[in-house]
Structure formats: structure tokens, C-alpha cells
Amino acid sequence: MHTIETLSGLIPICAWCGRKIEDEDGNWVPVEAYIQAHSHAQFTHGMCPDCFTRMKEDAVRTLRSRNAGSTPDG
């Protein structure tokens, strides 16, 4: 069964990268580390549709550029 916990107050997150949060000691830590330290949450990794599309497009470009330099005879 899942429980929902709430973090409250202002949480200073980097406006540039959005991947680090300033903790109580003034250290900038990854979002995942901050949330794990301040809740009972655990993370697992997946890939959102936007990132999947970007990754797929990058992979196709890489393969096409590699294949553009090859000859039909191999």
C-alpha cells in the first residue's frame, strides 16, 4: 500500500538546472537525495515520453551519420 507524505515550506531548487536543492547546511544536493533524506520516499528510474523521444532521435541521428560513411560493400 502506498502512503503520501508531504514536504512543506519553501524548497530552494536551482533555477538553472532544476536538479539540485539547497539543504539546511547550504549544500546543493541532487533532488533525489534531498527527498530521500526528508521523507520515506524511494526512487526508481524510468524514462518519460519526452526524454524517450529525444533519446530515440539522437540515436537515429548517430546511426545515420555512422552509416553515411560506410560503403555498400561493407
Protein backbone atom coordinates (compact mmCIF):
# COMPACT_ATOMS: atom_id res chain seq x y z
CA MET A 1 0.00 0.00 0.00
CA HIS A 2 1.27 3.48 -0.88
CA THR A 3 1.25 6.41 1.50
CA ILE A 4 1.50 10.03 0.55
CA GLU A 5 3.84 12.26 2.52
CA THR A 6 4.09 15.98 2.08
CA LEU A 7 7.16 18.20 2.14
CA SER A 8 6.18 21.72 3.07
CA GLY A 9 7.71 25.17 3.07
CA LEU A 10 9.98 26.78 0.54
CA ILE A 11 12.48 24.41 -1.04
CA PRO A 12 15.28 26.27 -2.87
CA ILE A 13 15.86 24.46 -6.17
CA CYS A 14 18.42 25.55 -8.77
CA ALA A 15 16.68 27.79 -11.29
CA TRP A 16 19.25 26.89 -13.94
CA CYS A 17 19.40 23.09 -13.97
CA GLY A 18 16.44 22.17 -11.73
CA ARG A 19 18.38 19.14 -10.48
CA LYS A 20 19.79 20.32 -7.15
CA ILE A 21 18.21 21.58 -3.93
CA GLU A 22 19.93 23.62 -1.25
CA ASP A 23 19.74 21.78 2.07
CA GLU A 24 19.71 23.18 5.61
CA ASP A 25 23.53 23.27 5.68
CA GLY A 26 23.79 25.28 2.46
CA ASN A 27 24.92 22.29 0.39
CA TRP A 28 23.45 21.76 -3.07
CA VAL A 29 22.33 18.14 -3.32
CA PRO A 30 20.53 16.16 -6.04
CA VAL A 31 16.73 16.33 -5.82
CA GLU A 32 16.51 12.57 -5.24
CA ALA A 33 18.94 12.71 -2.31
CA TYR A 34 17.07 15.61 -0.72
CA ILE A 35 13.68 13.92 -0.97
CA GLN A 36 15.04 10.62 0.35
CA ALA A 37 16.63 12.42 3.31
CA HIS A 38 13.42 14.32 4.15
CA SER A 39 10.79 11.63 3.58
CA HIS A 40 10.33 7.89 3.38
CA ALA A 41 10.24 8.02 -0.41
CA GLN A 42 12.47 5.80 -2.51
CA PHE A 43 13.27 6.33 -6.16
CA THR A 44 13.30 4.05 -9.13
CA HIS A 45 14.25 5.18 -12.59
CA GLY A 46 12.18 5.27 -15.73
CA MET A 47 12.07 7.42 -18.84
CA CYS A 48 9.37 9.97 -19.56
CA PRO A 49 7.93 10.16 -23.10
CA ASP A 50 9.73 13.46 -23.87
CA CYS A 51 13.14 12.05 -22.90
CA PHE A 52 12.44 8.82 -24.79
CA THR A 53 11.67 10.82 -27.94
CA ARG A 54 14.87 12.88 -27.57
CA MET A 55 16.96 9.77 -26.91
CA LYS A 56 15.45 7.98 -29.90
CA GLU A 57 16.03 10.97 -32.20
CA ASP A 58 19.66 11.25 -31.03
CA ALA A 59 20.20 7.51 -31.59
CA VAL A 60 18.73 7.67 -35.11
CA ARG A 61 20.96 10.67 -35.98
CA THR A 62 24.03 8.84 -34.68
CA LEU A 63 23.23 5.69 -36.64
CA ARG A 64 22.56 7.66 -39.83
CA SER A 65 25.83 9.56 -39.54
CA ARG A 66 27.74 6.31 -38.98
CA ASN A 67 26.01 4.65 -41.92
CA ALA A 68 26.60 7.66 -44.19
CA GLY A 69 30.33 6.98 -44.09
CA SER A 70 30.08 3.26 -44.88
CA THR A 71 30.16 1.74 -48.36
CA PRO A 72 27.55 -0.71 -49.70
CA ASP A 73 30.22 -3.45 -49.85
CA GLY A 74 30.80 -3.13 -46.09
